[in-house]
Amino acid sequence: MTEDLNRLPLIGDKAPSFEALTTKGTVNFPEDYKGKWVNFFSHPSDFTTVCTT
């Protein structure tokens, strides 16, 4: 089972459930997004002057 925890997610894998505090409030995944398509993006606030393109 530890091998599964250390591998990168693959296309088609089920995303894990989580709760996160964001700049737009708390996110409860997947409860807040049932029946919707979701894309995840992460951008650390320490590097806001560096645009990810």
PDB file of N, CA and C in Angstrom:
ATOM      1  N   MET A   1       0.814  -1.192   0.000  1.00  0.00           N
ATOM      2  CA  MET A   1       0.000   0.000   0.000  1.00  0.00           C
ATOM      3  C   MET A   1       0.860   1.261   0.000  1.00  0.00           C
ATOM      4  N   THR A   2       2.021   1.249   0.615  1.00  0.00           N
ATOM      5  CA  THR A   2       2.876   2.440   0.641  1.00  0.00           C
ATOM      6  C   THR A   2       3.314   2.815  -0.764  1.00  0.00           C
ATOM      7  N   GLU A   3       3.450   1.839  -1.648  1.00  0.00           N
ATOM      8  CA  GLU A   3       3.836   2.137  -3.020  1.00  0.00           C
ATOM      9  C   GLU A   3       2.793   3.022  -3.691  1.00  0.00           C
ATOM     10  N   ASP A   4       1.510   2.797  -3.417  1.00  0.00           N
ATOM     11  CA  ASP A   4       0.450   3.615  -4.006  1.00  0.00           C
ATOM     12  C   ASP A   4       0.511   5.050  -3.509  1.00  0.00           C
ATOM     13  N   LEU A   5       0.939   5.265  -2.264  1.00  0.00           N
ATOM     14  CA  LEU A   5       0.991   6.611  -1.703  1.00  0.00           C
ATOM     15  C   LEU A   5       2.124   7.436  -2.296  1.00  0.00           C
ATOM     16  N   ASN A   6       3.152   6.793  -2.804  1.00  0.00           N
ATOM     17  CA  ASN A   6       4.317   7.511  -3.304  1.00  0.00           C
ATOM     18  C   ASN A   6       4.339   7.706  -4.812  1.00  0.00           C
ATOM     19  N   ARG A   7       3.369   7.190  -5.535  1.00  0.00           N
ATOM     20  CA  ARG A   7       3.396   7.338  -6.986  1.00  0.00           C
ATOM     21  C   ARG A   7       2.637   8.593  -7.400  1.00  0.00           C
ATOM     22  N   LEU A   8       3.010   9.128  -8.566  1.00  0.00           N
ATOM     23  CA  LEU A   8       2.321  10.288  -9.110  1.00  0.00           C
ATOM     24  C   LEU A   8       0.947   9.870  -9.616  1.00  0.00           C
ATOM     25  N   PRO A   9      -0.036  10.768  -9.520  1.00  0.00           N
ATOM     26  CA  PRO A   9      -1.364  10.426 -10.056  1.00  0.00           C
ATOM     27  C   PRO A   9      -1.317  10.329 -11.575  1.00  0.00           C
ATOM     28  N   LEU A  10      -2.145   9.480 -12.114  1.00  0.00           N
ATOM     29  CA  LEU A  10      -2.232   9.286 -13.558  1.00  0.00           C
ATOM     30  C   LEU A  10      -3.585   9.766 -14.057  1.00  0.00           C
ATOM     31  N   ILE A  11      -3.664  10.070 -15.347  1.00  0.00           N
ATOM     32  CA  ILE A  11      -4.944  10.446 -15.944  1.00  0.00           C
ATOM     33  C   ILE A  11      -5.926   9.305 -15.721  1.00  0.00           C
ATOM     34  N   GLY A  12      -7.092   9.644 -15.248  1.00  0.00           N
ATOM     35  CA  GLY A  12      -8.113   8.642 -14.980  1.00  0.00           C
ATOM     36  C   GLY A  12      -8.158   8.208 -13.527  1.00  0.00           C
ATOM     37  N   ASP A  13      -7.133   8.543 -12.729  1.00  0.00           N
ATOM     38  CA  ASP A  13      -7.160   8.224 -11.302  1.00  0.00           C
ATOM     39  C   ASP A  13      -8.192   9.090 -10.600  1.00  0.00           C
ATOM     40  N   LYS A  14      -8.819   8.547  -9.585  1.00  0.00           N
ATOM     41  CA  LYS A  14      -9.774   9.304  -8.786  1.00  0.00           C
ATOM     42  C   LYS A  14      -9.005  10.258  -7.874  1.00  0.00           C
ATOM     43  N   ALA A  15      -9.429  11.519  -7.832  1.00  0.00           N
ATOM     44  CA  ALA A  15      -8.777  12.514  -6.974  1.00  0.00           C
ATOM     45  C   ALA A  15      -9.156  12.247  -5.519  1.00  0.00           C
ATOM     46  N   PRO A  16      -8.221  12.469  -4.603  1.00  0.00           N
ATOM     47  CA  PRO A  16      -8.520  12.237  -3.187  1.00  0.00           C
ATOM     48  C   PRO A  16      -9.430  13.332  -2.625  1.00  0.00           C
ATOM     49  N   SER A  17     -10.185  13.002  -1.599  1.00  0.00           N
ATOM     50  CA  SER A  17     -10.996  13.999  -0.901  1.00  0.00           C
ATOM     51  C   SER A  17     -10.078  14.846  -0.038  1.00  0.00           C
ATOM     52  N   PHE A  18     -10.366  16.154   0.045  1.00  0.00           N
ATOM     53  CA  PHE A  18      -9.564  17.027   0.898  1.00  0.00           C
ATOM     54  C   PHE A  18     -10.323  18.298   1.230  1.00  0.00           C
ATOM     55  N   GLU A  19      -9.857  18.989   2.251  1.00  0.00           N
ATOM     56  CA  GLU A  19     -10.352  20.307   2.624  1.00  0.00           C
ATOM     57  C   GLU A  19      -9.154  21.245   2.610  1.00  0.00           C
ATOM     58  N   ALA A  20      -9.314  22.430   1.993  1.00  0.00           N
ATOM     59  CA  ALA A  20      -8.205  23.376   1.892  1.00  0.00           C
ATOM     60  C   ALA A  20      -8.698  24.792   2.151  1.00  0.00           C
ATOM     61  N   LEU A  21      -7.904  25.559   2.875  1.00  0.00           N
ATOM     62  CA  LEU A  21      -8.182  26.966   3.094  1.00  0.00           C
ATOM     63  C   LEU A  21      -7.513  27.749   1.970  1.00  0.00           C
ATOM     64  N   THR A  22      -8.309  28.490   1.193  1.00  0.00           N
ATOM     65  CA  THR A  22      -7.782  29.240   0.057  1.00  0.00           C
ATOM     66  C   THR A  22      -8.033  30.731   0.258  1.00  0.00           C
ATOM     67  N   THR A  23      -7.533  31.541  -0.644  1.00  0.00           N
ATOM     68  CA  THR A  23      -7.773  32.979  -0.575  1.00  0.00           C
ATOM     69  C   THR A  23      -9.236  33.314  -0.862  1.00  0.00           C
ATOM     70  N   LYS A  24      -9.986  32.362  -1.386  1.00  0.00           N
ATOM     71  CA  LYS A  24     -11.413  32.551  -1.671  1.00  0.00           C
ATOM     72  C   LYS A  24     -12.294  31.805  -0.670  1.00  0.00           C
ATOM     73  N   GLY A  25     -11.715  31.304   0.409  1.00  0.00           N
ATOM     74  CA  GLY A  25     -12.480  30.577   1.422  1.00  0.00           C
ATOM     75  C   GLY A  25     -12.098  29.104   1.453  1.00  0.00           C
ATOM     76  N   THR A  26     -12.838  28.337   2.225  1.00  0.00           N
ATOM     77  CA  THR A  26     -12.562  26.912   2.382  1.00  0.00           C
ATOM     78  C   THR A  26     -13.143  26.119   1.210  1.00  0.00           C
ATOM     79  N   VAL A  27     -12.369  25.177   0.721  1.00  0.00           N
ATOM     80  CA  VAL A  27     -12.794  24.280  -0.355  1.00  0.00           C
ATOM     81  C   VAL A  27     -12.911  22.881   0.230  1.00  0.00           C
ATOM     82  N   ASN A  28     -14.053  22.233   0.009  1.00  0.00           N
ATOM     83  CA  ASN A  28     -14.256  20.840   0.405  1.00  0.00           C
ATOM     84  C   ASN A  28     -14.436  20.036  -0.868  1.00  0.00           C
ATOM     85  N   PHE A  29     -13.386  19.302  -1.214  1.00  0.00           N
ATOM     86  CA  PHE A  29     -13.436  18.520  -2.447  1.00  0.00           C
ATOM     87  C   PHE A  29     -13.681  17.059  -2.121  1.00  0.00           C
ATOM     88  N   PRO A  30     -14.556  16.377  -2.774  1.00  0.00           N
ATOM     89  CA  PRO A  30     -15.325  16.757  -3.958  1.00  0.00           C
ATOM     90  C   PRO A  30     -16.722  17.278  -3.649  1.00  0.00           C
ATOM     91  N   GLU A  31     -17.100  17.381  -2.369  1.00  0.00           N
ATOM     92  CA  GLU A  31     -18.465  17.760  -2.007  1.00  0.00           C
ATOM     93  C   GLU A  31     -18.925  19.065  -2.654  1.00  0.00           C
ATOM     94  N   ASP A  32     -18.064  20.071  -2.704  1.00  0.00           N
ATOM     95  CA  ASP A  32     -18.441  21.375  -3.256  1.00  0.00           C
ATOM     96  C   ASP A  32     -18.589  21.363  -4.769  1.00  0.00           C
ATOM     97  N   TYR A  33     -18.145  20.304  -5.422  1.00  0.00           N
ATOM     98  CA  TYR A  33     -18.099  20.299  -6.887  1.00  0.00           C
ATOM     99  C   TYR A  33     -18.823  19.104  -7.513  1.00  0.00           C
ATOM    100  N   LYS A  34     -19.706  18.480  -6.786  1.00  0.00           N
ATOM    101  CA  LYS A  34     -20.424  17.319  -7.331  1.00  0.00           C
ATOM    102  C   LYS A  34     -21.179  17.712  -8.603  1.00  0.00           C
ATOM    103  N   GLY A  35     -21.016  16.910  -9.647  1.00  0.00           N
ATOM    104  CA  GLY A  35     -21.691  17.144 -10.916  1.00  0.00           C
ATOM    105  C   GLY A  35     -21.035  18.200 -11.789  1.00  0.00           C
ATOM    106  N   LYS A  36     -19.843  18.670 -11.414  1.00  0.00           N
ATOM    107  CA  LYS A  36     -19.154  19.699 -12.187  1.00  0.00           C
ATOM    108  C   LYS A  36     -17.779  19.198 -12.610  1.00  0.00           C
ATOM    109  N   TRP A  37     -17.245  19.772 -13.681  1.00  0.00           N
ATOM    110  CA  TRP A  37     -15.872  19.510 -14.097  1.00  0.00           C
ATOM    111  C   TRP A  37     -14.957  20.380 -13.252  1.00  0.00           C
ATOM    112  N   VAL A  38     -13.791  19.859 -12.886  1.00  0.00           N
ATOM    113  CA  VAL A  38     -12.863  20.604 -12.040  1.00  0.00           C
ATOM    114  C   VAL A  38     -11.446  20.505 -12.601  1.00  0.00           C
ATOM    115  N   ASN A  39     -10.747  21.638 -12.663  1.00  0.00           N
ATOM    116  CA  ASN A  39      -9.321  21.696 -12.980  1.00  0.00           C
ATOM    117  C   ASN A  39      -8.624  22.301 -11.789  1.00  0.00           C
ATOM    118  N   PHE A  40      -7.498  21.718 -11.383  1.00  0.00           N
ATOM    119  CA  PHE A  40      -6.746  22.242 -10.253  1.00  0.00           C
ATOM    120  C   PHE A  40      -5.530  23.009 -10.744  1.00  0.00           C
ATOM    121  N   PHE A  41      -5.332  24.184 -10.184  1.00  0.00           N
ATOM    122  CA  PHE A  41      -4.143  24.982 -10.439  1.00  0.00           C
ATOM    123  C   PHE A  41      -3.615  25.454  -9.100  1.00  0.00           C
ATOM    124  N   SER A  42      -2.324  25.487  -8.966  1.00  0.00           N
ATOM    125  CA  SER A  42      -1.716  25.963  -7.734  1.00  0.00           C
ATOM    126  C   SER A  42      -0.643  26.974  -8.078  1.00  0.00           C
ATOM    127  N   HIS A  43      -0.657  28.088  -7.386  1.00  0.00           N
ATOM    128  CA  HIS A  43       0.343  29.122  -7.611  1.00  0.00           C
ATOM    129  C   HIS A  43       0.717  29.693  -6.252  1.00  0.00           C
ATOM    130  N   PRO A  44       1.931  29.466  -5.791  1.00  0.00           N
ATOM    131  CA  PRO A  44       2.326  29.963  -4.463  1.00  0.00           C
ATOM    132  C   PRO A  44       2.348  31.486  -4.429  1.00  0.00           C
ATOM    133  N   SER A  45       1.813  32.059  -3.373  1.00  0.00           N
ATOM    134  CA  SER A  45       1.749  33.516  -3.269  1.00  0.00           C
ATOM    135  C   SER A  45       3.120  34.156  -3.154  1.00  0.00           C
ATOM    136  N   ASP A  46       4.142  33.377  -2.758  1.00  0.00           N
ATOM    137  CA  ASP A  46       5.495  33.929  -2.645  1.00  0.00           C
ATOM    138  C   ASP A  46       6.066  34.323  -4.000  1.00  0.00           C
ATOM    139  N   PHE A  47       5.515  33.772  -5.076  1.00  0.00           N
ATOM    140  CA  PHE A  47       6.068  34.011  -6.401  1.00  0.00           C
ATOM    141  C   PHE A  47       5.051  34.659  -7.326  1.00  0.00           C
ATOM    142  N   THR A  48       4.239  35.560  -6.800  1.00  0.00           N
ATOM    143  CA  THR A  48       3.173  36.168  -7.613  1.00  0.00           C
ATOM    144  C   THR A  48       3.714  37.010  -8.757  1.00  0.00           C
ATOM    145  N   THR A  49       4.950  37.512  -8.656  1.00  0.00           N
ATOM    146  CA  THR A  49       5.498  38.301  -9.763  1.00  0.00           C
ATOM    147  C   THR A  49       6.024  37.425 -10.886  1.00  0.00           C
ATOM    148  N   VAL A  50       6.129  36.141 -10.646  1.00  0.00           N
ATOM    149  CA  VAL A  50       6.569  35.199 -11.676  1.00  0.00           C
ATOM    150  C   VAL A  50       5.328  34.550 -12.266  1.00  0.00           C
ATOM    151  N   CYS A  51       5.052  34.880 -13.508  1.00  0.00           N
ATOM    152  CA  CYS A  51       3.839  34.360 -14.158  1.00  0.00           C
ATOM    153  C   CYS A  51       4.104  32.957 -14.697  1.00  0.00           C
ATOM    154  N   THR A  52       3.198  32.021 -14.387  1.00  0.00           N
ATOM    155  CA  THR A  52       3.314  30.683 -14.963  1.00  0.00           C
ATOM    156  C   THR A  52       2.592  30.673 -16.300  1.00  0.00           C
ATOM    157  N   THR A  53       3.313  30.383 -17.351  1.00  0.00           N
ATOM    158  CA  THR A  53       2.705  30.419 -18.681  1.00  0.00           C
ATOM    159  C   THR A  53       2.767  29.051 -19.324  1.00  0.00           C
TER     160      THR A  53
END
